[in-house]
Amino acid sequence: MKKVSIDEVDILTNPMNVHSVRRPVSRALGTEDFAMNYFELESGESFSGGLHTHHDQEEVFYVQEGAATFETLVDEERDTVTVEAGEVIRFAPGEFQQGSNEDDETVVGFAFGAPGKVHDWDEIESLTFCRACEEETAHGLTLTDAGGFKFDCTECGTTFTVERSE
């Protein structure tokens, strides 16, 4: 058994600096088959760096305070879904999503993922603008040695990297 206080879990943010508070609770607890992250999103911040999917993991988001707006992509149709305080939303493996705070009130919430305590980076796909293709295309995503992200366009092979800025 291991117990932690959310406030005692170190803050570790996304290399793309899309949020200021993410606390990797599952890391602090030492979980093996389950990921759990606590977030506080100020206006304009997001849970992740863009519209993406995990092919190997389902994700569930619980909004404790505020309202999160999730952009989704299903069958090439974009949509938005608002998740209010006390509500939960689930994304199956392969479903594209990005959650953010579009309001002035801070969003407090949790992201849960299973199976696995960490992402298999080879199983993440992100929709990102490709300068070579001059349009939004699917990109493979890998973690760099410096803790940033490397994006590889699946259409043309162009690569770009976003490194962690401290």
Protein backbone atom coordinates (compact mmCIF):
# COMPACT_ATOMS: atom_id res chain seq x y z
CA MET A 1 0.00 0.00 0.00
CA LYS A 2 1.14 3.53 -0.72
CA LYS A 3 -0.66 6.79 0.05
CA VAL A 4 0.15 10.28 -1.26
CA SER A 5 -1.35 13.73 -1.05
CA ILE A 6 -1.97 15.33 -4.45
CA ASP A 7 -0.25 18.52 -3.23
CA GLU A 8 2.90 16.53 -2.40
CA VAL A 9 3.25 15.04 -5.90
CA ASP A 10 5.89 16.90 -7.91
CA ILE A 11 4.69 18.98 -10.87
CA LEU A 12 5.92 17.60 -14.22
CA THR A 13 4.61 19.43 -17.26
CA ASN A 14 4.37 18.53 -20.94
CA PRO A 15 7.49 19.46 -22.98
CA MET A 16 5.27 21.67 -25.16
CA ASN A 17 4.36 23.82 -22.12
CA VAL A 18 0.61 23.48 -22.70
CA HIS A 19 -0.22 23.38 -18.99
CA SER A 20 1.37 24.70 -15.83
CA VAL A 21 0.21 22.05 -13.36
CA ARG A 22 0.33 18.30 -14.02
CA ARG A 23 1.03 15.97 -11.15
CA PRO A 24 1.82 12.37 -12.20
CA VAL A 25 0.03 10.63 -9.33
CA SER A 26 0.58 7.12 -10.69
CA ARG A 27 4.35 7.72 -10.70
CA ALA A 28 4.21 8.82 -7.05
CA LEU A 29 2.13 5.74 -6.16
CA GLY A 30 4.28 3.36 -8.21
CA THR A 31 1.35 1.89 -10.16
CA GLU A 32 2.12 -0.72 -12.81
CA ASP A 33 -1.06 -1.08 -14.91
CA PHE A 34 -2.79 2.26 -14.52
CA ALA A 35 -1.90 5.90 -15.25
CA MET A 36 -3.31 8.81 -13.26
CA ASN A 37 -2.47 12.49 -13.66
CA TYR A 38 -3.88 15.46 -11.75
CA PHE A 39 -4.26 18.73 -13.70
CA GLU A 40 -5.01 22.36 -13.00
CA LEU A 41 -5.64 24.14 -16.30
CA GLU A 42 -5.74 27.91 -16.49
CA SER A 43 -7.65 29.57 -19.33
CA GLY A 44 -6.12 28.55 -22.68
CA GLU A 45 -4.18 25.57 -21.26
CA SER A 46 -4.72 21.94 -22.29
CA PHE A 47 -4.21 18.41 -21.01
CA SER A 48 -1.97 17.56 -23.99
CA GLY A 49 -0.11 19.21 -26.83
CA GLY A 50 -2.65 18.54 -29.56
CA LEU A 51 -5.28 16.32 -31.11
CA HIS A 52 -3.98 12.77 -30.59
CA THR A 53 -4.88 9.16 -29.94
CA HIS A 54 -3.36 6.27 -28.04
CA HIS A 55 -3.70 3.06 -29.99
CA ASP A 56 -2.72 0.97 -26.95
CA GLN A 57 -4.56 2.74 -24.12
CA GLU A 58 -8.00 4.05 -23.28
CA GLU A 59 -8.27 7.36 -21.46
CA VAL A 60 -10.84 8.65 -19.00
CA PHE A 61 -11.01 12.28 -17.85
CA TYR A 62 -12.82 13.41 -14.70
CA VAL A 63 -13.50 17.14 -14.28
CA GLN A 64 -13.62 18.06 -10.61
CA GLU A 65 -13.96 21.85 -11.05
CA GLY A 66 -14.69 24.07 -14.04
CA ALA A 67 -15.54 22.87 -17.54
CA ALA A 68 -13.17 21.24 -20.02
CA THR A 69 -13.76 21.37 -23.76
CA PHE A 70 -12.68 18.31 -25.73
CA GLU A 71 -12.04 18.47 -29.44
CA THR A 72 -12.69 15.08 -31.02
CA LEU A 73 -12.18 13.49 -34.41
CA VAL A 74 -14.45 10.60 -35.33
CA ASP A 75 -14.68 9.29 -38.90
CA GLU A 76 -12.89 12.44 -40.14
CA GLU A 77 -15.55 14.65 -38.49
CA ARG A 78 -14.40 17.15 -35.87
CA ASP A 79 -16.64 17.95 -32.94
CA THR A 80 -16.42 19.47 -29.47
CA VAL A 81 -17.80 18.14 -26.21
CA THR A 82 -17.97 20.09 -22.95
CA VAL A 83 -17.37 18.14 -19.75
CA GLU A 84 -18.64 19.96 -16.67
CA ALA A 85 -17.62 19.57 -13.02
CA GLY A 86 -18.66 16.15 -11.75
CA GLU A 87 -18.70 14.61 -15.25
CA VAL A 88 -16.49 11.97 -16.83
CA ILE A 89 -15.60 11.26 -20.48
CA ARG A 90 -13.96 8.14 -21.96
CA PHE A 91 -11.91 7.78 -25.16
CA ALA A 92 -11.29 4.29 -26.53
CA PRO A 93 -7.96 3.34 -28.09
CA GLY A 94 -7.82 4.94 -31.54
CA GLU A 95 -10.21 7.83 -30.76
CA PHE A 96 -8.65 11.25 -31.32
CA GLN A 97 -9.11 13.89 -28.63
CA GLN A 98 -7.65 16.99 -27.02
CA GLY A 99 -9.04 18.55 -23.85
CA SER A 100 -8.55 22.19 -22.91
CA ASN A 101 -9.84 25.04 -20.78
CA GLU A 102 -11.74 27.52 -22.94
CA ASP A 103 -13.21 29.45 -19.97
CA ASP A 104 -11.87 31.93 -17.42
CA GLU A 105 -12.39 29.57 -14.46
CA THR A 106 -9.58 27.10 -13.66
CA VAL A 107 -10.26 23.47 -14.63
CA VAL A 108 -9.24 20.92 -12.01
CA GLY A 109 -9.36 17.33 -13.18
CA PHE A 110 -7.79 13.94 -13.56
CA ALA A 111 -6.70 11.90 -16.56
CA PHE A 112 -6.68 8.11 -16.19
CA GLY A 113 -5.18 5.64 -18.66
CA ALA A 114 -5.11 1.86 -18.85
CA PRO A 115 -3.59 -0.54 -19.43
CA GLY A 116 -0.13 0.62 -18.55
CA LYS A 117 1.33 3.20 -16.22
CA VAL A 118 3.07 5.05 -19.05
CA HIS A 119 2.34 5.51 -22.73
CA ASP A 120 3.94 3.33 -25.36
CA TRP A 121 5.19 6.27 -27.44
CA ASP A 122 5.16 4.14 -30.61
CA GLU A 123 1.39 3.75 -30.17
CA ILE A 124 0.58 7.48 -30.09
CA GLU A 125 -0.52 9.31 -33.21
CA SER A 126 -0.87 13.09 -33.33
CA LEU A 127 -2.54 15.32 -35.91
CA THR A 128 -0.12 18.19 -36.55
CA PHE A 129 0.52 20.72 -39.28
CA CYS A 130 3.31 19.50 -41.59
CA ARG A 131 5.28 22.30 -43.25
CA ALA A 132 6.32 20.02 -46.12
CA CYS A 133 2.80 18.74 -46.84
CA GLU A 134 1.33 22.19 -46.04
CA GLU A 135 -1.61 20.61 -44.20
CA GLU A 136 -2.52 18.83 -41.01
CA THR A 137 -1.35 15.21 -41.22
CA ALA A 138 -0.88 12.24 -38.91
CA HIS A 139 2.47 12.15 -37.13
CA GLY A 140 4.13 9.41 -35.15
CA LEU A 141 5.42 10.57 -31.79
CA THR A 142 8.51 9.52 -29.86
CA LEU A 143 10.13 10.82 -26.70
CA THR A 144 13.62 12.30 -27.14
CA ASP A 145 16.56 11.70 -24.79
CA ALA A 146 16.21 15.30 -23.59
CA GLY A 147 12.55 14.73 -22.60
CA GLY A 148 11.00 16.43 -25.62
CA PHE A 149 8.92 15.06 -28.49
CA LYS A 150 9.95 14.03 -32.01
CA PHE A 151 7.14 14.13 -34.61
CA ASP A 152 7.40 12.13 -37.87
CA CYS A 153 4.90 12.88 -40.66
CA THR A 154 3.36 9.62 -41.85
CA GLU A 155 2.68 11.17 -45.29
CA CYS A 156 6.09 12.56 -46.29
CA GLY A 157 8.51 11.54 -43.53
CA THR A 158 9.37 15.09 -42.46
CA THR A 159 10.56 15.24 -38.84
CA PHE A 160 10.50 18.03 -36.29
CA THR A 161 11.35 18.09 -32.60
CA VAL A 162 9.97 20.02 -29.65
CA GLU A 163 12.39 19.99 -26.71
CA ARG A 164 11.51 20.61 -23.09
CA SER A 165 12.11 24.21 -22.02
CA GLU A 166 12.75 24.76 -18.34
